[in-house]
């Protein structure tokens, strides 16, 4: 039976009482490693309780070397947001066939959250493969704190969305989007392409907000519909300079030292986030922000500290 390692912050008792999965619990547990509130991993002596980082990260490594953040088998080295944040209690995270799969918990409930590395990172280069369903609203967070404040690389795969550009989460939000995408669907509802349009918010874009950005046509050419896509993020500096690539195509370059966006609070962010924070993946909260049943998949997650 295929092993599935599952992490959710929903109460264990509710899963036994309300979730059909647990109606066959004795049989199902033979093939699953489950995480929940107060639940321990019976198959591992180095187990975690929900919402608590492990005492050590077996995947950690020395500086200036590529280190895998996902072993392809378990969620070792990761934890859900310790306390409820605006997006929810954490979402549902599990390993299936060597891939991390995430969605709202339960699907369509509006309950999302973030999944965070136990270790904190400052300057780094991060590479990963991602495969979202159309209708997913996710993101790659960095310099993240336990309240969900962070810098973010968009993974908004839906109408009026965008991928691989930058924003922040927290008290004072910044968002920079020179354009956004809408999906083109066939008669069966399958995504076949994109149209691009300007962001409707005037504060979202002026040409000097970024040091570089790709054209809408280059973005559409780079993204591969229905296939794995490789994202690369380079982050350095107290006021981070952030560059992103998508399938080896440079997408944007942001200079946190000089960005003139009126909604970018450089000093407040530096004080709130500090020089280091967690890497985190997001399941957006709310029923309008994540299509019911949609999933986002992650693999080949590697980081190099700089």
C-alpha atoms as a PDB file:
ATOM      1  CA  UNK A   1       0.000   0.000   0.000  1.00  0.00           C
ATOM      2  CA  UNK A   2       1.279   3.474  -0.864  1.00  0.00           C
ATOM      3  CA  UNK A   3       2.440   5.458   2.142  1.00  0.00           C
ATOM      4  CA  UNK A   4       0.744   8.798   2.685  1.00  0.00           C
ATOM      5  CA  UNK A   5       2.093  11.150   5.330  1.00  0.00           C
ATOM      6  CA  UNK A   6      -0.619  13.580   6.363  1.00  0.00           C
ATOM      7  CA  UNK A   7      -0.527  16.772   8.416  1.00  0.00           C
ATOM      8  CA  UNK A   8      -3.622  18.650   9.495  1.00  0.00           C
ATOM      9  CA  UNK A   9      -4.388  20.902  12.442  1.00  0.00           C
ATOM     10  CA  UNK A  10      -8.039  19.865  12.709  1.00  0.00           C
ATOM     11  CA  UNK A  11      -8.897  18.223  15.995  1.00  0.00           C
ATOM     12  CA  UNK A  12      -8.287  14.479  16.052  1.00  0.00           C
ATOM     13  CA  UNK A  13     -11.627  13.778  17.678  1.00  0.00           C
ATOM     14  CA  UNK A  14     -13.472  15.584  14.900  1.00  0.00           C
ATOM     15  CA  UNK A  15     -11.732  13.451  12.325  1.00  0.00           C
ATOM     16  CA  UNK A  16     -12.822  10.272  14.046  1.00  0.00           C
ATOM     17  CA  UNK A  17     -16.396  11.454  14.443  1.00  0.00           C
ATOM     18  CA  UNK A  18     -17.017  13.469  11.282  1.00  0.00           C
ATOM     19  CA  UNK A  19     -14.635  12.401   8.555  1.00  0.00           C
ATOM     20  CA  UNK A  20     -15.547   9.325   6.488  1.00  0.00           C
ATOM     21  CA  UNK A  21     -11.840   8.509   6.120  1.00  0.00           C
ATOM     22  CA  UNK A  22     -11.729   7.500   9.744  1.00  0.00           C
ATOM     23  CA  UNK A  23     -14.714   5.205   9.478  1.00  0.00           C
ATOM     24  CA  UNK A  24     -12.146   2.772   8.106  1.00  0.00           C
ATOM     25  CA  UNK A  25      -9.398   3.965  10.403  1.00  0.00           C
ATOM     26  CA  UNK A  26      -7.817   0.632  11.408  1.00  0.00           C
ATOM     27  CA  UNK A  27      -7.290  -0.296   7.783  1.00  0.00           C
ATOM     28  CA  UNK A  28      -6.339   3.184   6.612  1.00  0.00           C
ATOM     29  CA  UNK A  29      -3.798   3.765   9.336  1.00  0.00           C
ATOM     30  CA  UNK A  30      -1.737   0.877   8.030  1.00  0.00           C
ATOM     31  CA  UNK A  31      -0.859   2.997   5.013  1.00  0.00           C
ATOM     32  CA  UNK A  32      -0.881   6.530   6.423  1.00  0.00           C
ATOM     33  CA  UNK A  33       1.113   8.577   8.871  1.00  0.00           C
ATOM     34  CA  UNK A  34      -1.283  11.138  10.304  1.00  0.00           C
ATOM     35  CA  UNK A  35      -0.733  14.463  12.007  1.00  0.00           C
ATOM     36  CA  UNK A  36      -3.335  16.291  14.036  1.00  0.00           C
ATOM     37  CA  UNK A  37      -3.973  18.190  17.221  1.00  0.00           C
ATOM     38  CA  UNK A  38      -2.326  16.217  20.001  1.00  0.00           C
ATOM     39  CA  UNK A  39      -1.690  13.258  17.690  1.00  0.00           C
ATOM     40  CA  UNK A  40       1.714  11.564  17.597  1.00  0.00           C
ATOM     41  CA  UNK A  41       3.224   9.677  14.717  1.00  0.00           C
ATOM     42  CA  UNK A  42       3.104   6.087  15.899  1.00  0.00           C
ATOM     43  CA  UNK A  43       5.589   5.026  13.260  1.00  0.00           C
ATOM     44  CA  UNK A  44       8.371   7.435  14.228  1.00  0.00           C
ATOM     45  CA  UNK A  45      10.291   7.852  17.450  1.00  0.00           C
ATOM     46  CA  UNK A  46      11.168  11.438  16.499  1.00  0.00           C
ATOM     47  CA  UNK A  47       7.545  12.512  16.291  1.00  0.00           C
ATOM     48  CA  UNK A  48       6.027  16.000  16.369  1.00  0.00           C
ATOM     49  CA  UNK A  49       2.872  17.347  17.922  1.00  0.00           C
ATOM     50  CA  UNK A  50       0.678  19.507  15.734  1.00  0.00           C
ATOM     51  CA  UNK A  51       1.877  23.069  15.443  1.00  0.00           C
ATOM     52  CA  UNK A  52       5.243  22.442  17.106  1.00  0.00           C
ATOM     53  CA  UNK A  53       8.574  22.427  15.264  1.00  0.00           C
ATOM     54  CA  UNK A  54      10.787  19.386  15.626  1.00  0.00           C
ATOM     55  CA  UNK A  55      13.774  19.664  17.909  1.00  0.00           C
ATOM     56  CA  UNK A  56      16.063  19.190  14.914  1.00  0.00           C
ATOM     57  CA  UNK A  57      15.890  19.148  11.154  1.00  0.00           C
ATOM     58  CA  UNK A  58      17.507  16.089   9.638  1.00  0.00           C
ATOM     59  CA  UNK A  59      17.472  17.792   6.246  1.00  0.00           C
ATOM     60  CA  UNK A  60      19.545  20.762   7.365  1.00  0.00           C
ATOM     61  CA  UNK A  61      23.032  21.227   6.001  1.00  0.00           C
ATOM     62  CA  UNK A  62      25.989  23.556   6.001  1.00  0.00           C
ATOM     63  CA  UNK A  63      26.071  26.915   4.255  1.00  0.00           C
ATOM     64  CA  UNK A  64      26.793  27.270   0.526  1.00  0.00           C
ATOM     65  CA  UNK A  65      25.578  23.774  -0.267  1.00  0.00           C
ATOM     66  CA  UNK A  66      22.307  22.735  -1.813  1.00  0.00           C
ATOM     67  CA  UNK A  67      20.107  21.063   0.793  1.00  0.00           C
ATOM     68  CA  UNK A  68      16.872  19.185   0.192  1.00  0.00           C
ATOM     69  CA  UNK A  69      13.917  20.444   2.243  1.00  0.00           C
ATOM     70  CA  UNK A  70      11.740  17.453   1.366  1.00  0.00           C
ATOM     71  CA  UNK A  71      12.828  13.823   1.526  1.00  0.00           C
ATOM     72  CA  UNK A  72      10.032  12.575  -0.738  1.00  0.00           C
ATOM     73  CA  UNK A  73       8.586  10.384   2.020  1.00  0.00           C
ATOM     74  CA  UNK A  74       7.574  12.469   5.022  1.00  0.00           C
ATOM     75  CA  UNK A  75       6.976  16.007   6.241  1.00  0.00           C
ATOM     76  CA  UNK A  76      10.002  15.958   8.512  1.00  0.00           C
ATOM     77  CA  UNK A  77      11.410  19.460   8.918  1.00  0.00           C
ATOM     78  CA  UNK A  78       8.069  21.207   8.441  1.00  0.00           C
ATOM     79  CA  UNK A  79       5.163  22.327  10.648  1.00  0.00           C
ATOM     80  CA  UNK A  80       1.871  24.184  10.276  1.00  0.00           C
ATOM     81  CA  UNK A  81       1.393  27.685  11.656  1.00  0.00           C
ATOM     82  CA  UNK A  82       1.470  27.278  15.462  1.00  0.00           C
ATOM     83  CA  UNK A  83      -1.517  29.551  16.048  1.00  0.00           C
ATOM     84  CA  UNK A  84      -4.520  30.384  13.900  1.00  0.00           C
ATOM     85  CA  UNK A  85      -3.750  33.161  11.404  1.00  0.00           C
ATOM     86  CA  UNK A  86      -5.950  35.073   8.982  1.00  0.00           C
ATOM     87  CA  UNK A  87      -5.881  32.216   6.469  1.00  0.00           C
ATOM     88  CA  UNK A  88      -6.824  29.558   9.040  1.00  0.00           C
ATOM     89  CA  UNK A  89      -5.368  26.838  11.216  1.00  0.00           C
ATOM     90  CA  UNK A  90      -2.964  25.384   8.663  1.00  0.00           C
ATOM     91  CA  UNK A  91      -4.753  23.555   5.869  1.00  0.00           C
ATOM     92  CA  UNK A  92      -4.260  19.912   4.911  1.00  0.00           C
ATOM     93  CA  UNK A  93      -0.785  18.723   3.868  1.00  0.00           C
ATOM     94  CA  UNK A  94       0.139  15.189   2.884  1.00  0.00           C
ATOM     95  CA  UNK A  95       2.705  13.205   0.923  1.00  0.00           C
ATOM     96  CA  UNK A  96       1.454  11.166  -2.028  1.00  0.00           C
ATOM     97  CA  UNK A  97       3.787   9.298  -4.397  1.00  0.00           C
ATOM     98  CA  UNK A  98       6.774  11.424  -3.432  1.00  0.00           C
ATOM     99  CA  UNK A  99       4.926  14.743  -3.744  1.00  0.00           C
ATOM    100  CA  UNK A 100       3.603  17.193  -1.132  1.00  0.00           C
ATOM    101  CA  UNK A 101      -0.081  17.838  -1.806  1.00  0.00           C
ATOM    102  CA  UNK A 102      -2.028  20.624  -0.091  1.00  0.00           C
ATOM    103  CA  UNK A 103      -5.597  21.890   0.012  1.00  0.00           C
ATOM    104  CA  UNK A 104      -8.080  23.504   2.374  1.00  0.00           C
ATOM    105  CA  UNK A 105      -9.079  21.465   5.405  1.00  0.00           C
ATOM    106  CA  UNK A 106     -11.681  20.188   4.754  1.00  0.00           C
ATOM    107  CA  UNK A 107     -11.982  20.960   1.035  1.00  0.00           C
ATOM    108  CA  UNK A 108     -14.203  23.945   0.369  1.00  0.00           C
ATOM    109  CA  UNK A 109     -14.301  24.978   4.025  1.00  0.00           C
ATOM    110  CA  UNK A 110     -12.246  28.143   3.640  1.00  0.00           C
ATOM    111  CA  UNK A 111      -9.751  26.895   6.241  1.00  0.00           C
ATOM    112  CA  UNK A 112      -6.219  27.373   4.986  1.00  0.00           C
ATOM    113  CA  UNK A 113      -2.920  28.398   6.516  1.00  0.00           C
ATOM    114  CA  UNK A 114       0.761  27.889   5.891  1.00  0.00           C
ATOM    115  CA  UNK A 115       3.285  25.086   6.119  1.00  0.00           C
ATOM    116  CA  UNK A 116       6.645  26.266   7.434  1.00  0.00           C
ATOM    117  CA  UNK A 117      10.196  24.994   7.585  1.00  0.00           C
ATOM    118  CA  UNK A 118      11.389  24.374  11.116  1.00  0.00           C
ATOM    119  CA  UNK A 119      14.578  26.210  10.264  1.00  0.00           C
ATOM    120  CA  UNK A 120      14.840  29.937   9.528  1.00  0.00           C
ATOM    121  CA  UNK A 121      16.658  31.389   6.541  1.00  0.00           C
ATOM    122  CA  UNK A 122      17.985  34.831   5.684  1.00  0.00           C
ATOM    123  CA  UNK A 123      19.871  35.041   2.385  1.00  0.00           C
ATOM    124  CA  UNK A 124      19.224  32.046   0.155  1.00  0.00           C
ATOM    125  CA  UNK A 125      18.543  30.580  -3.234  1.00  0.00           C
ATOM    126  CA  UNK A 126      15.466  28.334  -3.407  1.00  0.00           C
ATOM    127  CA  UNK A 127      14.463  26.011  -6.241  1.00  0.00           C
ATOM    128  CA  UNK A 128      11.310  23.882  -6.399  1.00  0.00           C
ATOM    129  CA  UNK A 129       8.849  22.261  -8.774  1.00  0.00           C
ATOM    130  CA  UNK A 130       5.160  23.080  -8.485  1.00  0.00           C
ATOM    131  CA  UNK A 131       1.975  21.786 -10.114  1.00  0.00           C
ATOM    132  CA  UNK A 132      -1.173  23.710  -9.093  1.00  0.00           C
ATOM    133  CA  UNK A 133      -4.723  23.015 -10.201  1.00  0.00           C
ATOM    134  CA  UNK A 134      -6.479  25.942 -11.821  1.00  0.00           C
ATOM    135  CA  UNK A 135      -8.315  27.736  -9.017  1.00  0.00           C
ATOM    136  CA  UNK A 136      -5.464  27.529  -6.477  1.00  0.00           C
ATOM    137  CA  UNK A 137      -4.421  30.642  -4.544  1.00  0.00           C
ATOM    138  CA  UNK A 138      -1.065  29.862  -2.960  1.00  0.00           C
ATOM    139  CA  UNK A 139       2.293  31.491  -2.418  1.00  0.00           C
ATOM    140  CA  UNK A 140       5.890  30.933  -1.438  1.00  0.00           C
ATOM    141  CA  UNK A 141       6.582  32.823   1.786  1.00  0.00           C
ATOM    142  CA  UNK A 142      10.034  33.758   3.081  1.00  0.00           C
ATOM    143  CA  UNK A 143      11.363  35.584   6.120  1.00  0.00           C
ATOM    144  CA  UNK A 144       8.067  34.430   7.585  1.00  0.00           C
ATOM    145  CA  UNK A 145       7.056  34.780  11.233  1.00  0.00           C
ATOM    146  CA  UNK A 146       4.505  32.734  13.165  1.00  0.00           C
ATOM    147  CA  UNK A 147       1.780  35.308  12.506  1.00  0.00           C
ATOM    148  CA  UNK A 148       2.066  34.852   8.759  1.00  0.00           C
ATOM    149  CA  UNK A 149       3.829  38.148   8.052  1.00  0.00           C
ATOM    150  CA  UNK A 150       6.381  37.688   5.271  1.00  0.00           C
ATOM    151  CA  UNK A 151       7.614  38.484   1.816  1.00  0.00           C
ATOM    152  CA  UNK A 152       5.761  36.380  -0.725  1.00  0.00           C
ATOM    153  CA  UNK A 153       6.220  35.156  -4.261  1.00  0.00           C
ATOM    154  CA  UNK A 154       2.789  34.835  -5.818  1.00  0.00           C
ATOM    155  CA  UNK A 155       1.385  31.457  -6.811  1.00  0.00           C
ATOM    156  CA  UNK A 156      -2.084  32.784  -7.640  1.00  0.00           C
ATOM    157  CA  UNK A 157      -3.297  30.382 -10.303  1.00  0.00           C
ATOM    158  CA  UNK A 158      -6.757  31.744 -10.983  1.00  0.00           C
ATOM    159  CA  UNK A 159      -8.523  34.600 -12.742  1.00  0.00           C
ATOM    160  CA  UNK A 160      -6.984  37.942 -11.806  1.00  0.00           C
ATOM    161  CA  UNK A 161      -3.947  36.037 -10.550  1.00  0.00           C
ATOM    162  CA  UNK A 162      -0.226  35.888 -11.291  1.00  0.00           C
ATOM    163  CA  UNK A 163       2.807  33.731 -10.512  1.00  0.00           C
ATOM    164  CA  UNK A 164       6.431  34.587  -9.634  1.00  0.00           C
ATOM    165  CA  UNK A 165       5.929  38.270  -8.773  1.00  0.00           C
ATOM    166  CA  UNK A 166       6.304  39.728  -5.282  1.00  0.00           C
ATOM    167  CA  UNK A 167       4.090  40.930  -2.454  1.00  0.00           C
ATOM    168  CA  UNK A 168       4.078  40.934   1.328  1.00  0.00           C
ATOM    169  CA  UNK A 169       1.694  39.561   3.942  1.00  0.00           C
ATOM    170  CA  UNK A 170       1.048  41.212   7.281  1.00  0.00           C
ATOM    171  CA  UNK A 171      -0.300  44.405   8.755  1.00  0.00           C
ATOM    172  CA  UNK A 172       0.686  46.630   5.824  1.00  0.00           C
ATOM    173  CA  UNK A 173       0.480  44.773   2.521  1.00  0.00           C
ATOM    174  CA  UNK A 174       2.566  45.557  -0.540  1.00  0.00           C
ATOM    175  CA  UNK A 175       1.794  44.058  -3.933  1.00  0.00           C
ATOM    176  CA  UNK A 176       3.593  44.607  -7.222  1.00  0.00           C
ATOM    177  CA  UNK A 177       1.965  43.294 -10.371  1.00  0.00           C
ATOM    178  CA  UNK A 178       2.663  44.805 -13.797  1.00  0.00           C
ATOM    179  CA  UNK A 179      -0.115  42.613 -15.178  1.00  0.00           C
ATOM    180  CA  UNK A 180      -2.392  39.765 -14.134  1.00  0.00           C
ATOM    181  CA  UNK A 181      -3.822  36.685 -15.829  1.00  0.00           C
ATOM    182  CA  UNK A 182      -7.252  35.306 -16.651  1.00  0.00           C
ATOM    183  CA  UNK A 183      -7.721  31.730 -17.816  1.00  0.00           C
ATOM    184  CA  UNK A 184      -8.988  30.654 -21.214  1.00  0.00           C
ATOM    185  CA  UNK A 185     -11.110  27.513 -20.863  1.00  0.00           C
ATOM    186  CA  UNK A 186     -12.427  25.055 -23.442  1.00  0.00           C
ATOM    187  CA  UNK A 187     -16.022  23.821 -23.599  1.00  0.00           C
ATOM    188  CA  UNK A 188     -15.242  21.190 -20.954  1.00  0.00           C
ATOM    189  CA  UNK A 189     -13.783  23.721 -18.533  1.00  0.00           C
ATOM    190  CA  UNK A 190     -10.153  22.767 -19.128  1.00  0.00           C
ATOM    191  CA  UNK A 191      -7.528  25.482 -19.023  1.00  0.00           C
ATOM    192  CA  UNK A 192      -6.000  26.024 -22.469  1.00  0.00           C
ATOM    193  CA  UNK A 193      -4.303  29.412 -22.225  1.00  0.00           C
ATOM    194  CA  UNK A 194      -4.242  32.873 -20.678  1.00  0.00           C
ATOM    195  CA  UNK A 195      -5.128  36.432 -21.441  1.00  0.00           C
ATOM    196  CA  UNK A 196      -3.273  39.173 -19.598  1.00  0.00           C
ATOM    197  CA  UNK A 197      -4.488  42.564 -18.448  1.00  0.00           C
ATOM    198  CA  UNK A 198      -3.302  45.424 -16.234  1.00  0.00           C
ATOM    199  CA  UNK A 199      -3.894  45.176 -12.508  1.00  0.00           C
ATOM    200  CA  UNK A 200      -6.910  47.330 -11.672  1.00  0.00           C
ATOM    201  CA  UNK A 201      -5.291  48.793  -8.537  1.00  0.00           C
ATOM    202  CA  UNK A 202      -3.227  51.891  -9.343  1.00  0.00           C
ATOM    203  CA  UNK A 203      -0.941  51.294  -6.358  1.00  0.00           C
ATOM    204  CA  UNK A 204       0.007  47.844  -7.688  1.00  0.00           C
ATOM    205  CA  UNK A 205       2.198  49.058 -10.503  1.00  0.00           C
ATOM    206  CA  UNK A 206       4.472  51.750 -11.828  1.00  0.00           C
ATOM    207  CA  UNK A 207       7.479  51.007 -14.044  1.00  0.00           C
ATOM    208  CA  UNK A 208      10.030  51.922 -11.363  1.00  0.00           C
ATOM    209  CA  UNK A 209       8.623  49.509  -8.755  1.00  0.00           C
ATOM    210  CA  UNK A 210      10.818  46.714 -10.140  1.00  0.00           C
ATOM    211  CA  UNK A 211      14.361  46.666 -11.450  1.00  0.00           C
ATOM    212  CA  UNK A 212      13.227  44.211 -14.121  1.00  0.00           C
ATOM    213  CA  UNK A 213      10.079  42.405 -15.190  1.00  0.00           C
ATOM    214  CA  UNK A 214       9.273  40.126 -18.082  1.00  0.00           C
ATOM    215  CA  UNK A 215       6.604  40.928 -20.634  1.00  0.00           C
ATOM    216  CA  UNK A 216       3.166  39.289 -20.465  1.00  0.00           C
ATOM    217  CA  UNK A 217       3.983  37.352 -23.631  1.00  0.00           C
ATOM    218  CA  UNK A 218       7.230  36.047 -22.143  1.00  0.00           C
ATOM    219  CA  UNK A 219       5.374  34.965 -19.004  1.00  0.00           C
ATOM    220  CA  UNK A 220       2.741  33.082 -21.012  1.00  0.00           C
ATOM    221  CA  UNK A 221       5.418  31.386 -23.070  1.00  0.00           C
ATOM    222  CA  UNK A 222       7.381  30.319 -19.981  1.00  0.00           C
ATOM    223  CA  UNK A 223       4.534  28.745 -17.993  1.00  0.00           C
ATOM    224  CA  UNK A 224       3.598  25.136 -18.870  1.00  0.00           C
ATOM    225  CA  UNK A 225      -0.109  24.402 -18.434  1.00  0.00           C
ATOM    226  CA  UNK A 226      -0.860  21.071 -16.765  1.00  0.00           C
ATOM    227  CA  UNK A 227       2.804  20.255 -16.217  1.00  0.00           C
ATOM    228  CA  UNK A 228       5.400  20.682 -13.498  1.00  0.00           C
ATOM    229  CA  UNK A 229       6.967  24.126 -13.477  1.00  0.00           C
ATOM    230  CA  UNK A 230      10.286  25.037 -11.852  1.00  0.00           C
ATOM    231  CA  UNK A 231      10.483  28.222  -9.789  1.00  0.00           C
ATOM    232  CA  UNK A 232      13.735  29.731  -8.563  1.00  0.00           C
ATOM    233  CA  UNK A 233      14.024  32.520  -5.984  1.00  0.00           C
ATOM    234  CA  UNK A 234      17.160  34.438  -5.028  1.00  0.00           C
ATOM    235  CA  UNK A 235      16.929  36.587  -1.870  1.00  0.00           C
ATOM    236  CA  UNK A 236      19.756  38.656  -0.364  1.00  0.00           C
ATOM    237  CA  UNK A 237      20.134  41.679   1.885  1.00  0.00           C
ATOM    238  CA  UNK A 238      18.552  43.310   4.947  1.00  0.00           C
ATOM    239  CA  UNK A 239      16.060  45.007   2.650  1.00  0.00           C
ATOM    240  CA  UNK A 240      15.901  42.030   0.364  1.00  0.00           C
ATOM    241  CA  UNK A 241      16.797  42.086  -3.260  1.00  0.00           C
ATOM    242  CA  UNK A 242      14.659  39.336  -4.771  1.00  0.00           C
ATOM    243  CA  UNK A 243      14.937  37.810  -8.232  1.00  0.00           C
ATOM    244  CA  UNK A 244      12.676  35.096  -9.631  1.00  0.00           C
ATOM    245  CA  UNK A 245      12.861  32.708 -12.560  1.00  0.00           C
ATOM    246  CA  UNK A 246      10.203  30.416 -13.992  1.00  0.00           C
ATOM    247  CA  UNK A 247      11.440  27.466 -16.052  1.00  0.00           C
ATOM    248  CA  UNK A 248      14.787  29.278 -16.450  1.00  0.00           C
ATOM    249  CA  UNK A 249      13.115  32.480 -17.698  1.00  0.00           C
ATOM    250  CA  UNK A 250      13.816  35.555 -15.570  1.00  0.00           C
ATOM    251  CA  UNK A 251      10.513  36.966 -14.367  1.00  0.00           C
ATOM    252  CA  UNK A 252      11.274  39.901 -12.091  1.00  0.00           C
ATOM    253  CA  UNK A 253      13.848  41.636  -9.907  1.00  0.00           C
ATOM    254  CA  UNK A 254      12.835  43.614  -6.820  1.00  0.00           C
ATOM    255  CA  UNK A 255      15.131  45.899  -4.814  1.00  0.00           C
ATOM    256  CA  UNK A 256      13.896  46.223  -1.254  1.00  0.00           C
ATOM    257  CA  UNK A 257      16.385  49.010  -0.583  1.00  0.00           C
ATOM    258  CA  UNK A 258      15.083  51.421  -3.225  1.00  0.00           C
ATOM    259  CA  UNK A 259      11.565  50.328  -4.238  1.00  0.00           C
ATOM    260  CA  UNK A 260       9.414  53.513  -4.307  1.00  0.00           C
ATOM    261  CA  UNK A 261       5.994  51.843  -4.006  1.00  0.00           C
ATOM    262  CA  UNK A 262       3.853  53.988  -1.662  1.00  0.00           C
ATOM    263  CA  UNK A 263       2.538  50.845   0.065  1.00  0.00           C
ATOM    264  CA  UNK A 264       5.987  49.351   0.707  1.00  0.00           C
ATOM    265  CA  UNK A 265       6.897  49.916   4.357  1.00  0.00           C
ATOM    266  CA  UNK A 266      10.582  49.113   4.275  1.00  0.00           C
ATOM    267  CA  UNK A 267      11.534  49.894   7.854  1.00  0.00           C
ATOM    268  CA  UNK A 268       8.375  48.463   9.404  1.00  0.00           C
ATOM    269  CA  UNK A 269       8.872  45.189   7.528  1.00  0.00           C
ATOM    270  CA  UNK A 270      12.539  44.990   8.475  1.00  0.00           C
ATOM    271  CA  UNK A 271      11.600  45.433  12.133  1.00  0.00           C
ATOM    272  CA  UNK A 272       8.658  43.022  12.025  1.00  0.00           C
ATOM    273  CA  UNK A 273      10.335  40.221  10.080  1.00  0.00           C
ATOM    274  CA  UNK A 274      13.965  40.579  11.065  1.00  0.00           C
ATOM    275  CA  UNK A 275      16.860  39.296   9.030  1.00  0.00           C
ATOM    276  CA  UNK A 276      15.705  35.653   8.978  1.00  0.00           C
ATOM    277  CA  UNK A 277      12.438  33.733   8.891  1.00  0.00           C
ATOM    278  CA  UNK A 278      10.809  30.502   7.819  1.00  0.00           C
ATOM    279  CA  UNK A 279      10.225  29.365   4.257  1.00  0.00           C
ATOM    280  CA  UNK A 280       6.523  28.580   3.989  1.00  0.00           C
ATOM    281  CA  UNK A 281       3.910  27.473   1.467  1.00  0.00           C
ATOM    282  CA  UNK A 282       0.374  28.831   1.619  1.00  0.00           C
ATOM    283  CA  UNK A 283      -3.145  27.516   1.340  1.00  0.00           C
ATOM    284  CA  UNK A 284      -5.204  30.696   1.035  1.00  0.00           C
ATOM    285  CA  UNK A 285      -8.152  30.982   3.385  1.00  0.00           C
ATOM    286  CA  UNK A 286     -11.682  31.818   2.285  1.00  0.00           C
ATOM    287  CA  UNK A 287     -14.157  30.034   0.050  1.00  0.00           C
ATOM    288  CA  UNK A 288     -13.685  32.465  -2.847  1.00  0.00           C
ATOM    289  CA  UNK A 289      -9.890  32.170  -2.897  1.00  0.00           C
ATOM    290  CA  UNK A 290      -9.447  28.418  -3.373  1.00  0.00           C
ATOM    291  CA  UNK A 291     -11.615  26.332  -5.688  1.00  0.00           C
ATOM    292  CA  UNK A 292     -13.281  23.486  -3.817  1.00  0.00           C
ATOM    293  CA  UNK A 293     -11.290  20.294  -4.314  1.00  0.00           C
ATOM    294  CA  UNK A 294      -8.348  22.079  -5.955  1.00  0.00           C
ATOM    295  CA  UNK A 295      -4.860  21.020  -4.893  1.00  0.00           C
ATOM    296  CA  UNK A 296      -1.321  22.312  -5.195  1.00  0.00           C
ATOM    297  CA  UNK A 297       1.619  19.919  -5.485  1.00  0.00           C
ATOM    298  CA  UNK A 298       5.279  20.459  -4.582  1.00  0.00           C
ATOM    299  CA  UNK A 299       8.479  18.456  -5.099  1.00  0.00           C
ATOM    300  CA  UNK A 300      12.254  18.769  -5.574  1.00  0.00           C
ATOM    301  CA  UNK A 301      12.473  21.517  -2.946  1.00  0.00           C
ATOM    302  CA  UNK A 302      16.090  22.589  -2.455  1.00  0.00           C
ATOM    303  CA  UNK A 303      17.757  25.567  -0.801  1.00  0.00           C
ATOM    304  CA  UNK A 304      21.248  27.024  -0.657  1.00  0.00           C
ATOM    305  CA  UNK A 305      22.119  29.466   2.105  1.00  0.00           C
ATOM    306  CA  UNK A 306      24.202  32.434   1.015  1.00  0.00           C
END
